[in-house]
Amino acid sequence: WVAIIALGLPPEAPLWVGLVIVLGCFGLSIAVHLTYALVFSTPVMSSLYLRARRGIQATLGVFFTFAGLKLLLSRP
């Protein structure tokens, strides 16, 4: 993310702008992951996920298989 921010910021941008963006991304990441942890640790979500787990994994497996095949078969 820091590399992407460095590419997106103009050269004349002050240092504090980059720091605010990096700290904002850090704070947002912490908040999102804490929310995931709290939501998915509840008994209701845990049981919902356990029931849907096989379908979720199968769907993702098919998606990533086709994505990998597309990468393998693409011309440089």
Protein backbone atom coordinates (compact mmCIF):
# COMPACT_ATOMS: atom_id res chain seq x y z
CA TRP A 1 0.00 0.00 0.00
CA VAL A 2 2.82 2.39 0.71
CA ALA A 3 4.14 1.89 -2.84
CA ILE A 4 0.71 2.63 -4.29
CA ILE A 5 0.37 5.73 -2.13
CA ALA A 6 3.83 6.88 -3.23
CA LEU A 7 2.77 6.54 -6.88
CA GLY A 8 -0.50 8.38 -6.31
CA LEU A 9 0.85 11.34 -4.37
CA PRO A 10 2.24 14.26 -6.33
CA PRO A 11 5.94 15.00 -5.70
CA GLU A 12 5.12 18.37 -4.11
CA ALA A 13 2.79 16.83 -1.50
CA PRO A 14 4.02 17.43 2.05
CA LEU A 15 5.20 14.48 4.12
CA TRP A 16 2.27 14.76 6.51
CA VAL A 17 -0.21 13.95 3.72
CA GLY A 18 1.41 10.57 3.12
CA LEU A 19 1.58 9.89 6.85
CA VAL A 20 -2.11 10.73 7.30
CA ILE A 21 -3.04 8.39 4.43
CA VAL A 22 -0.90 5.54 5.81
CA LEU A 23 -2.25 5.99 9.35
CA GLY A 24 -5.80 6.23 8.00
CA CYS A 25 -5.35 2.96 6.08
CA PHE A 26 -3.91 1.36 9.22
CA GLY A 27 -6.83 2.52 11.36
CA LEU A 28 -9.37 1.39 8.77
CA SER A 29 -7.71 -2.02 8.53
CA ILE A 30 -7.78 -2.45 12.31
CA ALA A 31 -11.46 -1.44 12.46
CA VAL A 32 -12.51 -3.77 9.63
CA HIS A 33 -10.61 -6.77 10.98
CA LEU A 34 -11.92 -6.20 14.51
CA THR A 35 -15.44 -6.06 13.10
CA TYR A 36 -14.87 -9.33 11.21
CA ALA A 37 -13.58 -10.96 14.38
CA LEU A 38 -16.53 -9.78 16.47
CA VAL A 39 -19.18 -10.66 13.88
CA PHE A 40 -17.82 -14.09 12.99
CA SER A 41 -17.23 -15.07 16.62
CA THR A 42 -20.94 -14.98 17.43
CA PRO A 43 -22.71 -18.35 17.64
CA VAL A 44 -25.23 -17.37 14.94
CA MET A 45 -22.61 -16.41 12.35
CA SER A 46 -20.45 -19.36 13.28
CA SER A 47 -23.28 -21.81 12.63
CA LEU A 48 -24.28 -20.00 9.41
CA TYR A 49 -20.72 -20.20 8.14
CA LEU A 50 -20.39 -23.88 9.07
CA ARG A 51 -23.55 -24.66 7.08
CA ALA A 52 -22.42 -22.61 4.06
CA ARG A 53 -18.73 -23.53 4.29
CA ARG A 54 -18.73 -26.30 1.70
CA GLY A 55 -20.52 -24.15 -0.90
CA ILE A 56 -18.29 -21.16 -0.23
CA GLN A 57 -15.12 -23.23 -0.58
CA ALA A 58 -16.40 -24.94 -3.75
CA THR A 59 -17.31 -21.61 -5.34
CA LEU A 60 -13.94 -20.08 -4.49
CA GLY A 61 -12.15 -23.22 -5.68
CA VAL A 62 -13.86 -23.05 -9.08
CA PHE A 63 -13.20 -19.32 -9.37
CA PHE A 64 -9.49 -19.60 -8.56
CA THR A 65 -9.09 -22.65 -10.79
CA PHE A 66 -10.45 -20.73 -13.78
CA ALA A 67 -8.42 -17.65 -12.88
CA GLY A 68 -5.25 -19.77 -12.67
CA LEU A 69 -6.00 -21.48 -15.98
CA LYS A 70 -6.57 -18.12 -17.62
CA LEU A 71 -3.18 -16.94 -16.35
CA LEU A 72 -1.47 -20.13 -17.52
CA LEU A 73 -3.03 -20.03 -20.98
CA SER A 74 -2.65 -16.30 -21.62
CA ARG A 75 -0.04 -15.16 -24.07
CA PRO A 76 2.74 -12.89 -22.83
